[in-house]
Amino acid sequence: MTELTHTSFQDFVRANRFAVIHFYATWNGQDAKMKDLLARQIPAELSNVIAFGMLDVDPKEHHDICRQHKILTLPSLAFYRDVSLIQTVKGLRKSDEIIEHLRQLVS
């Protein structure tokens, strides 16, 4: 998983056909669970074709990106295909639901 900043966010999305961004805060325990789910429970056939990035919502310079994505709930995942935002999933979800969203992203 790639740690992103306000300066690397757009380049990361442009460089990867399929990208998922985890918007998180270090103080939020739900975000630690989401990070673990993304790191350990995604099948290889998906994790090999999808680039996963993380953006900390707390730094002031990240607030514009969070506003653009309407991030009000953590954790949140933004799903990109070919530089276009396809969907945003808000709140901690079960692994099978996240995996289904990932399958839809690459189909």
C-alpha atoms as a PDB file:
ATOM      1  CA  MET A   1       0.000   0.000   0.000  1.00  0.00           C
ATOM      2  CA  THR A   2       1.407   3.379  -1.039  1.00  0.00           C
ATOM      3  CA  GLU A   3       1.274   6.323   1.368  1.00  0.00           C
ATOM      4  CA  LEU A   4       0.042   9.354  -0.592  1.00  0.00           C
ATOM      5  CA  THR A   5       0.263  13.100  -0.105  1.00  0.00           C
ATOM      6  CA  HIS A   6      -1.400  16.062  -1.756  1.00  0.00           C
ATOM      7  CA  THR A   7       1.512  16.163  -4.214  1.00  0.00           C
ATOM      8  CA  SER A   8       1.507  12.456  -5.140  1.00  0.00           C
ATOM      9  CA  PHE A   9      -2.249  11.740  -5.148  1.00  0.00           C
ATOM     10  CA  GLN A  10      -3.049  12.636  -8.785  1.00  0.00           C
ATOM     11  CA  ASP A  11       0.118  11.032 -10.150  1.00  0.00           C
ATOM     12  CA  PHE A  12      -0.744   7.788  -8.345  1.00  0.00           C
ATOM     13  CA  VAL A  13      -4.272   7.739  -9.800  1.00  0.00           C
ATOM     14  CA  ARG A  14      -2.985   8.563 -13.305  1.00  0.00           C
ATOM     15  CA  ALA A  15      -0.251   5.912 -13.164  1.00  0.00           C
ATOM     16  CA  ASN A  16      -2.594   3.025 -12.331  1.00  0.00           C
ATOM     17  CA  ARG A  17      -5.496   1.770 -14.439  1.00  0.00           C
ATOM     18  CA  PHE A  18      -7.240   0.534 -11.285  1.00  0.00           C
ATOM     19  CA  ALA A  19      -6.623   2.380  -8.029  1.00  0.00           C
ATOM     20  CA  VAL A  20      -8.247   2.318  -4.609  1.00  0.00           C
ATOM     21  CA  ILE A  21      -7.512   5.087  -2.127  1.00  0.00           C
ATOM     22  CA  HIS A  22      -8.070   4.509   1.594  1.00  0.00           C
ATOM     23  CA  PHE A  23      -8.817   7.820   3.317  1.00  0.00           C
ATOM     24  CA  TYR A  24      -7.815   7.389   6.966  1.00  0.00           C
ATOM     25  CA  ALA A  25      -6.802   9.018  10.235  1.00  0.00           C
ATOM     26  CA  THR A  26      -4.194   7.553  12.575  1.00  0.00           C
ATOM     27  CA  TRP A  27      -6.462   8.139  15.605  1.00  0.00           C
ATOM     28  CA  ASN A  28      -9.332   6.071  14.137  1.00  0.00           C
ATOM     29  CA  GLY A  29      -9.300   2.397  15.166  1.00  0.00           C
ATOM     30  CA  GLN A  30     -11.672   1.480  12.317  1.00  0.00           C
ATOM     31  CA  ASP A  31      -9.005   2.634   9.873  1.00  0.00           C
ATOM     32  CA  ALA A  32      -6.494   0.161  11.303  1.00  0.00           C
ATOM     33  CA  LYS A  33      -9.007  -2.630  10.656  1.00  0.00           C
ATOM     34  CA  MET A  34      -9.565  -1.422   7.077  1.00  0.00           C
ATOM     35  CA  LYS A  35      -5.816  -1.235   6.436  1.00  0.00           C
ATOM     36  CA  ASP A  36      -5.418  -4.804   7.718  1.00  0.00           C
ATOM     37  CA  LEU A  37      -8.307  -6.003   5.531  1.00  0.00           C
ATOM     38  CA  LEU A  38      -6.772  -4.408   2.431  1.00  0.00           C
ATOM     39  CA  ALA A  39      -3.309  -5.772   3.242  1.00  0.00           C
ATOM     40  CA  ARG A  40      -4.272  -9.343   4.147  1.00  0.00           C
ATOM     41  CA  GLN A  41      -7.672 -10.352   2.808  1.00  0.00           C
ATOM     42  CA  ILE A  42      -7.724  -9.269  -0.830  1.00  0.00           C
ATOM     43  CA  PRO A  43      -7.286 -12.200  -3.251  1.00  0.00           C
ATOM     44  CA  ALA A  44      -4.082 -12.146  -5.300  1.00  0.00           C
ATOM     45  CA  GLU A  45      -5.965 -11.913  -8.610  1.00  0.00           C
ATOM     46  CA  LEU A  46      -7.256  -8.515  -7.463  1.00  0.00           C
ATOM     47  CA  SER A  47      -4.281  -7.227  -5.495  1.00  0.00           C
ATOM     48  CA  ASN A  48      -2.019  -7.920  -8.487  1.00  0.00           C
ATOM     49  CA  VAL A  49      -3.991  -5.576 -10.793  1.00  0.00           C
ATOM     50  CA  ILE A  50      -5.236  -2.896  -8.373  1.00  0.00           C
ATOM     51  CA  ALA A  51      -2.946  -0.277  -6.861  1.00  0.00           C
ATOM     52  CA  PHE A  52      -3.787   0.574  -3.251  1.00  0.00           C
ATOM     53  CA  GLY A  53      -2.969   3.958  -1.770  1.00  0.00           C
ATOM     54  CA  MET A  54      -3.613   5.650   1.577  1.00  0.00           C
ATOM     55  CA  LEU A  55      -4.216   9.335   2.304  1.00  0.00           C
ATOM     56  CA  ASP A  56      -4.167  10.691   5.854  1.00  0.00           C
ATOM     57  CA  VAL A  57      -7.075  13.144   6.200  1.00  0.00           C
ATOM     58  CA  ASP A  58      -5.521  15.153   9.037  1.00  0.00           C
ATOM     59  CA  PRO A  59      -2.778  17.252   7.354  1.00  0.00           C
ATOM     60  CA  LYS A  60      -4.163  20.633   6.309  1.00  0.00           C
ATOM     61  CA  GLU A  61      -2.717  20.271   2.810  1.00  0.00           C
ATOM     62  CA  HIS A  62      -4.890  17.138   2.291  1.00  0.00           C
ATOM     63  CA  HIS A  63      -8.178  18.864   3.133  1.00  0.00           C
ATOM     64  CA  ASP A  64      -8.883  19.966  -0.470  1.00  0.00           C
ATOM     65  CA  ILE A  65      -8.645  16.371  -1.701  1.00  0.00           C
ATOM     66  CA  CYS A  66     -10.944  15.246   1.121  1.00  0.00           C
ATOM     67  CA  ARG A  67     -13.469  17.968   0.233  1.00  0.00           C
ATOM     68  CA  GLN A  68     -13.380  16.987  -3.438  1.00  0.00           C
ATOM     69  CA  HIS A  69     -14.208  13.404  -2.427  1.00  0.00           C
ATOM     70  CA  LYS A  70     -16.795  14.500   0.184  1.00  0.00           C
ATOM     71  CA  ILE A  71     -14.994  12.540   2.901  1.00  0.00           C
ATOM     72  CA  LEU A  72     -16.998  12.954   6.097  1.00  0.00           C
ATOM     73  CA  THR A  73     -16.848   9.354   7.329  1.00  0.00           C
ATOM     74  CA  LEU A  74     -13.795   7.232   8.069  1.00  0.00           C
ATOM     75  CA  PRO A  75     -12.687   4.901   6.798  1.00  0.00           C
ATOM     76  CA  SER A  76     -13.601   5.734   3.194  1.00  0.00           C
ATOM     77  CA  LEU A  77     -12.435   4.063  -0.002  1.00  0.00           C
ATOM     78  CA  ALA A  78     -12.373   5.779  -3.398  1.00  0.00           C
ATOM     79  CA  PHE A  79     -12.370   3.456  -6.424  1.00  0.00           C
ATOM     80  CA  TYR A  80     -10.757   4.731  -9.638  1.00  0.00           C
ATOM     81  CA  ARG A  81     -10.733   3.210 -13.120  1.00  0.00           C
ATOM     82  CA  ASP A  82      -8.736   4.941 -15.875  1.00  0.00           C
ATOM     83  CA  VAL A  83      -8.374   8.138 -13.778  1.00  0.00           C
ATOM     84  CA  SER A  84     -12.161   8.386 -13.224  1.00  0.00           C
ATOM     85  CA  LEU A  85     -13.702   8.100  -9.788  1.00  0.00           C
ATOM     86  CA  ILE A  86     -16.158   5.200 -10.066  1.00  0.00           C
ATOM     87  CA  GLN A  87     -17.503   5.098  -6.511  1.00  0.00           C
ATOM     88  CA  THR A  88     -16.783   5.859  -2.887  1.00  0.00           C
ATOM     89  CA  VAL A  89     -17.540   3.429  -0.087  1.00  0.00           C
ATOM     90  CA  LYS A  90     -17.827   4.950   3.384  1.00  0.00           C
ATOM     91  CA  GLY A  91     -17.474   3.228   6.730  1.00  0.00           C
ATOM     92  CA  LEU A  92     -15.913  -0.060   7.755  1.00  0.00           C
ATOM     93  CA  ARG A  93     -17.281  -2.898   5.647  1.00  0.00           C
ATOM     94  CA  LYS A  94     -16.895  -6.653   5.697  1.00  0.00           C
ATOM     95  CA  SER A  95     -14.174  -8.140   3.537  1.00  0.00           C
ATOM     96  CA  ASP A  96     -16.598  -9.905   1.172  1.00  0.00           C
ATOM     97  CA  GLU A  97     -18.343  -6.596   0.425  1.00  0.00           C
ATOM     98  CA  ILE A  98     -15.027  -4.836  -0.285  1.00  0.00           C
ATOM     99  CA  ILE A  99     -13.906  -7.738  -2.485  1.00  0.00           C
ATOM    100  CA  GLU A 100     -17.154  -7.488  -4.472  1.00  0.00           C
ATOM    101  CA  HIS A 101     -16.552  -3.751  -5.052  1.00  0.00           C
ATOM    102  CA  LEU A 102     -13.017  -4.573  -6.221  1.00  0.00           C
ATOM    103  CA  ARG A 103     -14.320  -7.234  -8.622  1.00  0.00           C
ATOM    104  CA  GLN A 104     -16.772  -4.699 -10.080  1.00  0.00           C
ATOM    105  CA  LEU A 105     -13.943  -2.199 -10.475  1.00  0.00           C
ATOM    106  CA  VAL A 106     -11.854  -4.510 -12.668  1.00  0.00           C
ATOM    107  CA  SER A 107     -14.724  -6.037 -14.655  1.00  0.00           C
END
